[in-house]
Amino acid sequence: MSKPTKKATLSCLLALLPLISHAQTCQTSSIPATTPDTQFTNNNNGTVTDNKTGLMWKRCSEGQTFNTGTHACDGSTATYTWQGVLQQAQSVNTAGFAGANDWRVPNIKELRSLVELQCVDPSINLMVFPATPSAVFWSSSSYADYSYNAWNVYFGNGSDDADGKYYYSQVRLVRIGQ
């Protein structure tokens, strides 16, 4: 039986890379936190209030369920077209969540306020917003030059962009805190 070559071993390792989970990376020693834990009040009902902006956010992305026992988001995020996220907000309001029925899709400025600049994969505070994927999240803001596009934030690296409203992306709902 022959010994595996370095090339064969490297090929096997490269084939496994997509299966290896990527963990969030943060540069806490060189970049100050932009969304520190202390900026948020945990309402113990699946929501947090951002003390800086006054907004109340669902801790979990749509499609996930907040687990009150583990304080985690269970399940997978759902994806929607831009029109679908607006309809999802209406559905949440019909059922109600955390005693409120005024949930909405955040505008691009509000959504950008969640970006944690010291972290990537994802670029969000995972203590506050557990199980957030490194994915694109819709805002309610249409793109000025092309009405068929809307602004979004990619929480892999915190960048924003505009995509066609027919694309499928995630959403996190918000409301005015009280």
N, C-alpha and C. Protein backbone atom coordinates (compact mmCIF):
# COMPACT_ATOMS: atom_id res chain seq x y z
N MET A 1 0.85 -1.17 0.00
CA MET A 1 0.00 0.00 0.00
C MET A 1 0.89 1.23 0.00
N SER A 2 0.61 2.16 -0.88
CA SER A 2 1.46 3.34 -0.98
C SER A 2 1.01 4.43 -0.03
N LYS A 3 1.96 5.29 0.33
CA LYS A 3 1.65 6.41 1.20
C LYS A 3 0.95 7.49 0.38
N PRO A 4 0.00 8.19 1.01
CA PRO A 4 -0.65 9.27 0.27
C PRO A 4 0.36 10.39 0.00
N THR A 5 0.27 10.96 -1.16
CA THR A 5 1.16 12.06 -1.50
C THR A 5 0.65 13.36 -0.86
N LYS A 6 1.54 14.34 -0.78
CA LYS A 6 1.14 15.65 -0.25
C LYS A 6 0.05 16.25 -1.12
N LYS A 7 0.17 16.05 -2.43
CA LYS A 7 -0.82 16.60 -3.35
C LYS A 7 -2.20 15.97 -3.10
N ALA A 8 -2.24 14.66 -2.88
CA ALA A 8 -3.51 13.97 -2.63
C ALA A 8 -4.11 14.43 -1.30
N THR A 9 -3.26 14.58 -0.29
CA THR A 9 -3.74 15.05 1.02
C THR A 9 -4.29 16.46 0.91
N LEU A 10 -3.58 17.35 0.19
CA LEU A 10 -4.04 18.72 0.00
C LEU A 10 -5.36 18.75 -0.76
N SER A 11 -5.49 17.91 -1.76
CA SER A 11 -6.73 17.84 -2.54
C SER A 11 -7.91 17.43 -1.66
N CYS A 12 -7.68 16.48 -0.76
CA CYS A 12 -8.75 16.03 0.15
C CYS A 12 -9.14 17.15 1.11
N LEU A 13 -8.16 17.85 1.63
CA LEU A 13 -8.45 18.96 2.54
C LEU A 13 -9.21 20.08 1.84
N LEU A 14 -8.81 20.41 0.62
CA LEU A 14 -9.51 21.44 -0.13
C LEU A 14 -10.95 21.04 -0.44
N ALA A 15 -11.17 19.77 -0.68
CA ALA A 15 -12.53 19.28 -0.94
C ALA A 15 -13.42 19.41 0.29
N LEU A 16 -12.83 19.34 1.48
CA LEU A 16 -13.60 19.44 2.72
C LEU A 16 -13.86 20.87 3.16
N LEU A 17 -13.16 21.85 2.60
CA LEU A 17 -13.31 23.24 3.04
C LEU A 17 -14.75 23.74 3.05
N PRO A 18 -15.54 23.47 2.01
CA PRO A 18 -16.92 23.95 2.07
C PRO A 18 -17.73 23.36 3.22
N LEU A 19 -17.31 22.24 3.76
CA LEU A 19 -18.04 21.59 4.84
C LEU A 19 -17.65 22.12 6.22
N ILE A 20 -16.55 22.86 6.29
CA ILE A 20 -16.08 23.39 7.55
C ILE A 20 -16.83 24.67 7.86
N SER A 21 -17.39 24.77 9.03
CA SER A 21 -18.15 25.94 9.43
C SER A 21 -17.22 27.12 9.68
N HIS A 22 -17.64 28.28 9.21
CA HIS A 22 -16.86 29.49 9.44
C HIS A 22 -17.36 30.15 10.71
N ALA A 23 -16.46 30.48 11.59
CA ALA A 23 -16.82 31.15 12.83
C ALA A 23 -16.60 32.64 12.67
N GLN A 24 -17.37 33.41 13.39
CA GLN A 24 -17.22 34.86 13.38
C GLN A 24 -15.81 35.23 13.82
N THR A 25 -15.22 36.20 13.15
CA THR A 25 -13.91 36.72 13.49
C THR A 25 -14.06 38.18 13.89
N CYS A 26 -13.52 38.55 15.05
CA CYS A 26 -13.60 39.93 15.52
C CYS A 26 -12.21 40.44 15.88
N GLN A 27 -11.96 41.69 15.57
CA GLN A 27 -10.70 42.35 15.90
C GLN A 27 -10.93 43.26 17.10
N THR A 28 -11.14 42.65 18.27
CA THR A 28 -11.49 43.42 19.46
C THR A 28 -10.35 44.26 20.01
N SER A 29 -9.11 43.87 19.72
CA SER A 29 -7.98 44.63 20.26
C SER A 29 -7.63 45.85 19.41
N SER A 30 -8.02 45.87 18.15
CA SER A 30 -7.62 46.98 17.28
C SER A 30 -8.76 47.83 16.75
N ILE A 31 -10.00 47.35 16.85
CA ILE A 31 -11.15 48.11 16.34
C ILE A 31 -12.18 48.21 17.46
N PRO A 32 -12.59 49.42 17.81
CA PRO A 32 -13.60 49.55 18.87
C PRO A 32 -14.96 49.02 18.41
N ALA A 33 -15.71 48.46 19.34
CA ALA A 33 -17.05 47.93 19.04
C ALA A 33 -17.97 49.07 18.60
N THR A 34 -18.74 48.83 17.55
CA THR A 34 -19.72 49.81 17.10
C THR A 34 -21.12 49.49 17.61
N THR A 35 -21.34 48.25 18.07
CA THR A 35 -22.63 47.86 18.65
C THR A 35 -22.37 47.02 19.91
N PRO A 36 -21.80 47.63 20.94
CA PRO A 36 -21.47 46.86 22.15
C PRO A 36 -22.73 46.33 22.83
N ASP A 37 -22.58 45.23 23.58
CA ASP A 37 -23.70 44.63 24.31
C ASP A 37 -24.44 45.67 25.14
N THR A 38 -23.70 46.59 25.74
CA THR A 38 -24.29 47.60 26.65
C THR A 38 -25.19 48.58 25.92
N GLN A 39 -25.13 48.63 24.61
CA GLN A 39 -25.98 49.53 23.83
C GLN A 39 -27.42 49.02 23.75
N PHE A 40 -27.62 47.74 24.10
CA PHE A 40 -28.92 47.10 23.93
C PHE A 40 -29.50 46.65 25.26
N THR A 41 -30.81 46.76 25.37
CA THR A 41 -31.54 46.24 26.52
C THR A 41 -32.30 45.01 26.05
N ASN A 42 -32.04 43.89 26.71
CA ASN A 42 -32.74 42.65 26.39
C ASN A 42 -34.12 42.72 27.05
N ASN A 43 -35.17 42.64 26.26
CA ASN A 43 -36.53 42.73 26.77
C ASN A 43 -37.09 41.37 27.22
N ASN A 44 -36.26 40.33 27.13
CA ASN A 44 -36.61 38.97 27.57
C ASN A 44 -37.88 38.42 26.93
N ASN A 45 -38.15 38.85 25.70
CA ASN A 45 -39.33 38.36 24.96
C ASN A 45 -39.02 38.14 23.49
N GLY A 46 -37.73 37.95 23.18
CA GLY A 46 -37.33 37.79 21.79
C GLY A 46 -37.02 39.10 21.10
N THR A 47 -36.97 40.19 21.87
CA THR A 47 -36.64 41.50 21.31
C THR A 47 -35.54 42.16 22.13
N VAL A 48 -34.88 43.12 21.50
CA VAL A 48 -33.93 44.00 22.19
C VAL A 48 -34.25 45.42 21.79
N THR A 49 -33.95 46.34 22.70
CA THR A 49 -34.09 47.76 22.40
C THR A 49 -32.70 48.36 22.26
N ASP A 50 -32.47 49.05 21.17
CA ASP A 50 -31.21 49.75 20.94
C ASP A 50 -31.32 51.10 21.66
N ASN A 51 -30.57 51.25 22.73
CA ASN A 51 -30.64 52.46 23.54
C ASN A 51 -30.11 53.69 22.81
N LYS A 52 -29.34 53.50 21.78
CA LYS A 52 -28.77 54.60 21.00
C LYS A 52 -29.79 55.16 20.00
N THR A 53 -30.53 54.25 19.33
CA THR A 53 -31.48 54.68 18.30
C THR A 53 -32.92 54.72 18.78
N GLY A 54 -33.21 54.01 19.88
CA GLY A 54 -34.59 53.91 20.37
C GLY A 54 -35.41 52.86 19.64
N LEU A 55 -34.80 52.11 18.74
CA LEU A 55 -35.52 51.09 17.98
C LEU A 55 -35.57 49.78 18.74
N MET A 56 -36.66 49.04 18.57
CA MET A 56 -36.80 47.70 19.11
C MET A 56 -36.69 46.73 17.94
N TRP A 57 -35.80 45.74 18.10
CA TRP A 57 -35.52 44.77 17.05
C TRP A 57 -35.93 43.37 17.49
N LYS A 58 -36.40 42.57 16.54
CA LYS A 58 -36.55 41.14 16.81
C LYS A 58 -35.14 40.57 16.87
N ARG A 59 -34.85 39.74 17.85
CA ARG A 59 -33.52 39.17 17.99
C ARG A 59 -33.22 38.15 16.90
N CYS A 60 -34.25 37.49 16.41
CA CYS A 60 -34.07 36.45 15.39
C CYS A 60 -34.49 36.99 14.02
N SER A 61 -33.86 36.46 13.01
CA SER A 61 -34.26 36.75 11.63
C SER A 61 -35.58 36.03 11.37
N GLU A 62 -36.34 36.52 10.43
CA GLU A 62 -37.60 35.86 10.09
C GLU A 62 -37.30 34.44 9.62
N GLY A 63 -38.17 33.53 10.03
CA GLY A 63 -37.98 32.11 9.76
C GLY A 63 -37.43 31.38 10.98
N GLN A 64 -36.75 32.10 11.85
CA GLN A 64 -36.22 31.53 13.08
C GLN A 64 -37.21 31.79 14.22
N THR A 65 -37.09 30.99 15.27
CA THR A 65 -37.92 31.13 16.46
C THR A 65 -37.03 31.39 17.66
N PHE A 66 -37.37 32.38 18.46
CA PHE A 66 -36.59 32.67 19.66
C PHE A 66 -36.90 31.64 20.73
N ASN A 67 -35.87 31.01 21.27
CA ASN A 67 -36.00 30.00 22.30
C ASN A 67 -35.77 30.68 23.65
N THR A 68 -36.83 30.85 24.43
CA THR A 68 -36.71 31.56 25.71
C THR A 68 -35.87 30.80 26.73
N GLY A 69 -35.75 29.49 26.58
CA GLY A 69 -34.94 28.69 27.51
C GLY A 69 -33.45 28.86 27.29
N THR A 70 -33.06 28.86 26.02
CA THR A 70 -31.63 28.95 25.69
C THR A 70 -31.21 30.34 25.24
N HIS A 71 -32.17 31.23 25.03
CA HIS A 71 -31.91 32.58 24.52
C HIS A 71 -31.20 32.53 23.18
N ALA A 72 -31.59 31.57 22.36
CA ALA A 72 -31.00 31.37 21.04
C ALA A 72 -32.10 31.45 19.99
N CYS A 73 -31.68 31.58 18.74
CA CYS A 73 -32.61 31.56 17.62
C CYS A 73 -32.54 30.17 16.99
N ASP A 74 -33.64 29.46 17.02
CA ASP A 74 -33.71 28.11 16.49
C ASP A 74 -34.25 28.13 15.07
N GLY A 75 -33.81 27.16 14.28
CA GLY A 75 -34.31 27.04 12.92
C GLY A 75 -33.46 27.83 11.94
N SER A 76 -33.92 27.83 10.71
CA SER A 76 -33.20 28.50 9.62
C SER A 76 -33.90 29.78 9.24
N THR A 77 -33.13 30.73 8.75
CA THR A 77 -33.73 31.97 8.26
C THR A 77 -34.50 31.69 6.98
N ALA A 78 -35.55 32.44 6.77
CA ALA A 78 -36.32 32.34 5.54
C ALA A 78 -35.84 33.42 4.58
N THR A 79 -36.03 33.17 3.29
CA THR A 79 -35.68 34.18 2.30
C THR A 79 -36.95 34.64 1.58
N TYR A 80 -36.93 35.90 1.20
CA TYR A 80 -38.10 36.53 0.58
C TYR A 80 -37.63 37.47 -0.51
N THR A 81 -38.52 37.71 -1.47
CA THR A 81 -38.30 38.83 -2.38
C THR A 81 -38.58 40.10 -1.59
N TRP A 82 -38.28 41.24 -2.16
CA TRP A 82 -38.51 42.51 -1.46
C TRP A 82 -40.00 42.68 -1.14
N GLN A 83 -40.86 42.38 -2.09
CA GLN A 83 -42.31 42.46 -1.85
C GLN A 83 -42.70 41.45 -0.77
N GLY A 84 -42.06 40.29 -0.78
CA GLY A 84 -42.33 39.26 0.22
C GLY A 84 -41.99 39.70 1.63
N VAL A 85 -40.91 40.49 1.80
CA VAL A 85 -40.57 40.94 3.16
C VAL A 85 -41.62 41.92 3.69
N LEU A 86 -42.16 42.73 2.80
CA LEU A 86 -43.22 43.66 3.22
C LEU A 86 -44.47 42.87 3.65
N GLN A 87 -44.78 41.81 2.90
CA GLN A 87 -45.91 40.96 3.26
C GLN A 87 -45.64 40.19 4.55
N GLN A 88 -44.38 39.78 4.78
CA GLN A 88 -44.04 39.07 6.01
C GLN A 88 -44.26 39.97 7.22
N ALA A 89 -43.89 41.23 7.11
CA ALA A 89 -44.13 42.17 8.21
C ALA A 89 -45.63 42.26 8.51
N GLN A 90 -46.46 42.31 7.48
CA GLN A 90 -47.91 42.34 7.68
C GLN A 90 -48.39 41.08 8.37
N SER A 91 -47.85 39.94 7.99
CA SER A 91 -48.24 38.66 8.61
C SER A 91 -47.86 38.63 10.09
N VAL A 92 -46.67 39.11 10.42
CA VAL A 92 -46.25 39.18 11.82
C VAL A 92 -47.18 40.09 12.60
N ASN A 93 -47.57 41.19 12.01
CA ASN A 93 -48.47 42.13 12.70
C ASN A 93 -49.87 41.57 12.88
N THR A 94 -50.33 40.76 11.95
CA THR A 94 -51.64 40.12 12.09
C THR A 94 -51.63 39.18 13.30
N ALA A 95 -50.55 38.42 13.43
CA ALA A 95 -50.43 37.49 14.56
C ALA A 95 -49.98 38.21 15.84
N GLY A 96 -49.21 39.27 15.68
CA GLY A 96 -48.62 39.97 16.82
C GLY A 96 -47.35 39.27 17.27
N PHE A 97 -46.39 40.05 17.76
CA PHE A 97 -45.16 39.50 18.30
C PHE A 97 -44.72 40.37 19.46
N ALA A 98 -44.44 39.74 20.59
CA ALA A 98 -43.98 40.43 21.81
C ALA A 98 -44.95 41.54 22.20
N GLY A 99 -46.24 41.27 22.01
CA GLY A 99 -47.27 42.23 22.40
C GLY A 99 -47.41 43.42 21.48
N ALA A 100 -46.79 43.39 20.32
CA ALA A 100 -46.85 44.52 19.39
C ALA A 100 -47.33 44.06 18.01
N ASN A 101 -47.97 44.97 17.31
CA ASN A 101 -48.42 44.68 15.95
C ASN A 101 -48.06 45.82 14.99
N ASP A 102 -46.90 46.44 15.25
CA ASP A 102 -46.43 47.52 14.38
C ASP A 102 -45.00 47.25 13.87
N TRP A 103 -44.69 45.98 13.63
CA TRP A 103 -43.38 45.59 13.12
C TRP A 103 -43.29 45.97 11.65
N ARG A 104 -42.08 46.32 11.22
CA ARG A 104 -41.87 46.73 9.83
C ARG A 104 -40.46 46.36 9.39
N VAL A 105 -40.24 46.48 8.09
CA VAL A 105 -38.91 46.28 7.52
C VAL A 105 -38.12 47.56 7.77
N PRO A 106 -36.89 47.46 8.29
CA PRO A 106 -36.11 48.68 8.57
C PRO A 106 -35.68 49.39 7.29
N ASN A 107 -35.53 50.72 7.38
CA ASN A 107 -34.95 51.43 6.25
C ASN A 107 -33.44 51.18 6.26
N ILE A 108 -32.74 51.61 5.23
CA ILE A 108 -31.33 51.27 5.09
C ILE A 108 -30.49 51.89 6.22
N LYS A 109 -30.82 53.07 6.66
CA LYS A 109 -30.07 53.70 7.76
C LYS A 109 -30.22 52.89 9.05
N GLU A 110 -31.43 52.45 9.33
CA GLU A 110 -31.68 51.64 10.53
C GLU A 110 -30.94 50.31 10.44
N LEU A 111 -31.01 49.66 9.29
CA LEU A 111 -30.35 48.37 9.12
C LEU A 111 -28.84 48.50 9.24
N ARG A 112 -28.27 49.55 8.68
CA ARG A 112 -26.82 49.79 8.79
C ARG A 112 -26.40 49.96 10.25
N SER A 113 -27.30 50.45 11.09
CA SER A 113 -26.94 50.70 12.50
C SER A 113 -26.63 49.41 13.25
N LEU A 114 -26.98 48.25 12.69
CA LEU A 114 -26.70 46.96 13.33
C LEU A 114 -25.33 46.39 12.96
N VAL A 115 -24.66 46.97 11.98
CA VAL A 115 -23.37 46.44 11.53
C VAL A 115 -22.33 46.62 12.63
N GLU A 116 -21.68 45.52 12.99
CA GLU A 116 -20.57 45.54 13.95
C GLU A 116 -19.28 45.56 13.13
N LEU A 117 -18.61 46.71 13.13
CA LEU A 117 -17.44 46.90 12.27
C LEU A 117 -16.21 46.12 12.69
N GLN A 118 -16.17 45.64 13.93
CA GLN A 118 -14.98 44.89 14.35
C GLN A 118 -15.09 43.40 14.02
N CYS A 119 -16.23 42.98 13.43
CA CYS A 119 -16.44 41.56 13.16
C CYS A 119 -16.82 41.30 11.70
N VAL A 120 -16.50 40.09 11.25
CA VAL A 120 -16.94 39.60 9.95
C VAL A 120 -17.44 38.17 10.11
N ASP A 121 -18.23 37.75 9.17
CA ASP A 121 -18.76 36.38 9.13
C ASP A 121 -19.50 35.95 10.38
N PRO A 122 -20.50 36.62 10.85
CA PRO A 122 -21.14 37.81 10.31
C PRO A 122 -20.66 39.09 11.00
N SER A 123 -20.99 40.21 10.40
CA SER A 123 -20.61 41.52 10.94
C SER A 123 -21.78 42.11 11.74
N ILE A 124 -22.14 41.39 12.82
CA ILE A 124 -23.22 41.80 13.71
C ILE A 124 -22.89 41.25 15.10
N ASN A 125 -23.42 41.86 16.12
CA ASN A 125 -23.19 41.41 17.49
C ASN A 125 -24.01 40.13 17.73
N LEU A 126 -23.33 39.00 17.76
CA LEU A 126 -24.03 37.71 17.91
C LEU A 126 -24.56 37.47 19.33
N MET A 127 -24.09 38.21 20.31
CA MET A 127 -24.66 38.10 21.66
C MET A 127 -26.06 38.71 21.67
N VAL A 128 -26.25 39.75 20.89
CA VAL A 128 -27.54 40.44 20.82
C VAL A 128 -28.45 39.79 19.77
N PHE A 129 -27.88 39.42 18.64
CA PHE A 129 -28.63 38.85 17.52
C PHE A 129 -28.06 37.46 17.19
N PRO A 130 -28.40 36.45 18.01
CA PRO A 130 -27.81 35.13 17.84
C PRO A 130 -28.20 34.47 16.52
N ALA A 131 -27.30 33.64 16.02
CA ALA A 131 -27.53 32.82 14.83
C ALA A 131 -27.85 33.64 13.58
N THR A 132 -27.33 34.86 13.52
CA THR A 132 -27.50 35.66 12.30
C THR A 132 -26.53 35.15 11.25
N PRO A 133 -27.03 34.81 10.07
CA PRO A 133 -26.12 34.31 9.03
C PRO A 133 -25.36 35.44 8.35
N SER A 134 -24.25 35.08 7.74
CA SER A 134 -23.50 36.02 6.90
C SER A 134 -24.23 36.08 5.56
N ALA A 135 -25.28 36.86 5.52
CA ALA A 135 -26.16 36.87 4.36
C ALA A 135 -26.66 38.29 4.10
N VAL A 136 -27.37 38.44 3.00
CA VAL A 136 -27.95 39.72 2.61
C VAL A 136 -29.31 39.87 3.29
N PHE A 137 -29.54 41.06 3.87
CA PHE A 137 -30.81 41.39 4.53
C PHE A 137 -31.41 42.60 3.84
N TRP A 138 -32.70 42.50 3.53
CA TRP A 138 -33.42 43.59 2.87
C TRP A 138 -33.64 44.77 3.81
N SER A 139 -33.67 45.97 3.20
CA SER A 139 -34.20 47.16 3.86
C SER A 139 -35.49 47.54 3.12
N SER A 140 -36.23 48.48 3.66
CA SER A 140 -37.45 48.94 2.99
C SER A 140 -37.16 50.05 1.99
N SER A 141 -35.90 50.48 1.90
CA SER A 141 -35.52 51.63 1.07
C SER A 141 -35.30 51.23 -0.39
N SER A 142 -36.11 51.82 -1.26
CA SER A 142 -35.91 51.61 -2.69
C SER A 142 -34.68 52.39 -3.14
N TYR A 143 -34.05 51.91 -4.18
CA TYR A 143 -32.88 52.57 -4.76
C TYR A 143 -33.38 53.70 -5.64
N ALA A 144 -32.85 54.91 -5.45
CA ALA A 144 -33.38 56.10 -6.11
C ALA A 144 -33.35 56.03 -7.64
N ASP A 145 -32.27 55.53 -8.22
CA ASP A 145 -32.14 55.54 -9.68
C ASP A 145 -32.91 54.44 -10.39
N TYR A 146 -33.17 53.36 -9.67
CA TYR A 146 -33.86 52.22 -10.28
C TYR A 146 -34.92 51.72 -9.30
N SER A 147 -36.16 52.04 -9.57
CA SER A 147 -37.23 51.69 -8.64
C SER A 147 -37.40 50.18 -8.49
N TYR A 148 -36.84 49.39 -9.39
CA TYR A 148 -36.94 47.94 -9.27
C TYR A 148 -35.83 47.36 -8.41
N ASN A 149 -34.99 48.22 -7.80
CA ASN A 149 -33.95 47.79 -6.87
C ASN A 149 -34.24 48.33 -5.47
N ALA A 150 -33.72 47.66 -4.46
CA ALA A 150 -33.84 48.13 -3.08
C ALA A 150 -32.50 47.92 -2.38
N TRP A 151 -32.25 48.75 -1.37
CA TRP A 151 -31.02 48.68 -0.59
C TRP A 151 -31.04 47.48 0.34
N ASN A 152 -29.85 46.94 0.60
CA ASN A 152 -29.70 45.83 1.52
C ASN A 152 -28.34 45.92 2.20
N VAL A 153 -28.16 45.12 3.24
CA VAL A 153 -26.87 45.01 3.92
C VAL A 153 -26.45 43.55 3.87
N TYR A 154 -25.20 43.34 3.51
CA TYR A 154 -24.61 42.00 3.53
C TYR A 154 -23.88 41.85 4.85
N PHE A 155 -24.41 41.03 5.74
CA PHE A 155 -23.84 40.87 7.07
C PHE A 155 -22.63 39.93 7.10
N GLY A 156 -22.12 39.55 5.94
CA GLY A 156 -20.84 38.84 5.89
C GLY A 156 -19.71 39.80 6.22
N ASN A 157 -19.79 41.02 5.63
CA ASN A 157 -18.75 42.01 5.88
C ASN A 157 -19.28 43.40 6.22
N GLY A 158 -20.60 43.55 6.29
CA GLY A 158 -21.20 44.83 6.68
C GLY A 158 -21.39 45.81 5.56
N SER A 159 -21.17 45.40 4.32
CA SER A 159 -21.33 46.32 3.19
C SER A 159 -22.80 46.44 2.81
N ASP A 160 -23.12 47.54 2.12
CA ASP A 160 -24.48 47.70 1.62
C ASP A 160 -24.45 47.84 0.11
N ASP A 161 -25.58 47.53 -0.50
CA ASP A 161 -25.69 47.52 -1.94
C ASP A 161 -27.17 47.57 -2.29
N ALA A 162 -27.47 47.65 -3.56
CA ALA A 162 -28.85 47.57 -4.02
C ALA A 162 -28.98 46.39 -4.97
N ASP A 163 -30.04 45.63 -4.81
CA ASP A 163 -30.31 44.48 -5.66
C ASP A 163 -31.72 44.57 -6.21
N GLY A 164 -31.97 43.80 -7.26
CA GLY A 164 -33.31 43.72 -7.81
C GLY A 164 -34.29 43.20 -6.78
N LYS A 165 -35.45 43.77 -6.72
CA LYS A 165 -36.46 43.40 -5.73
C LYS A 165 -36.98 41.97 -5.92
N TYR A 166 -36.61 41.35 -7.01
CA TYR A 166 -37.02 39.97 -7.27
C TYR A 166 -36.04 38.96 -6.66
N TYR A 167 -34.87 39.42 -6.18
CA TYR A 167 -33.93 38.51 -5.50
C TYR A 167 -34.51 38.06 -4.16
N TYR A 168 -34.01 36.95 -3.66
CA TYR A 168 -34.44 36.43 -2.37
C TYR A 168 -33.35 36.71 -1.33
N SER A 169 -33.74 37.33 -0.22
CA SER A 169 -32.82 37.65 0.87
C SER A 169 -33.54 37.53 2.20
N GLN A 170 -32.79 37.69 3.29
CA GLN A 170 -33.33 37.59 4.64
C GLN A 170 -33.89 38.94 5.09
N VAL A 171 -34.55 38.91 6.26
CA VAL A 171 -35.06 40.15 6.84
C VAL A 171 -35.11 40.02 8.36
N ARG A 172 -34.85 41.15 9.03
CA ARG A 172 -35.02 41.26 10.48
C ARG A 172 -35.95 42.46 10.68
N LEU A 173 -37.02 42.25 11.45
CA LEU A 173 -38.02 43.30 11.62
C LEU A 173 -37.71 44.21 12.80
N VAL A 174 -38.24 45.42 12.72
CA VAL A 174 -37.97 46.47 13.70
C VAL A 174 -39.27 47.23 13.99
N ARG A 175 -39.28 47.95 15.07
CA ARG A 175 -40.39 48.85 15.39
C ARG A 175 -39.83 49.99 16.24
N ILE A 176 -40.58 51.05 16.38
CA ILE A 176 -40.17 52.14 17.25
C ILE A 176 -40.33 51.66 18.67
N GLY A 177 -39.26 51.74 19.46
CA GLY A 177 -39.32 51.31 20.86
C GLY A 177 -40.15 52.25 21.70
N GLN A 178 -40.63 51.74 22.85
CA GLN A 178 -41.48 52.59 23.69
C GLN A 178 -41.08 52.47 25.13
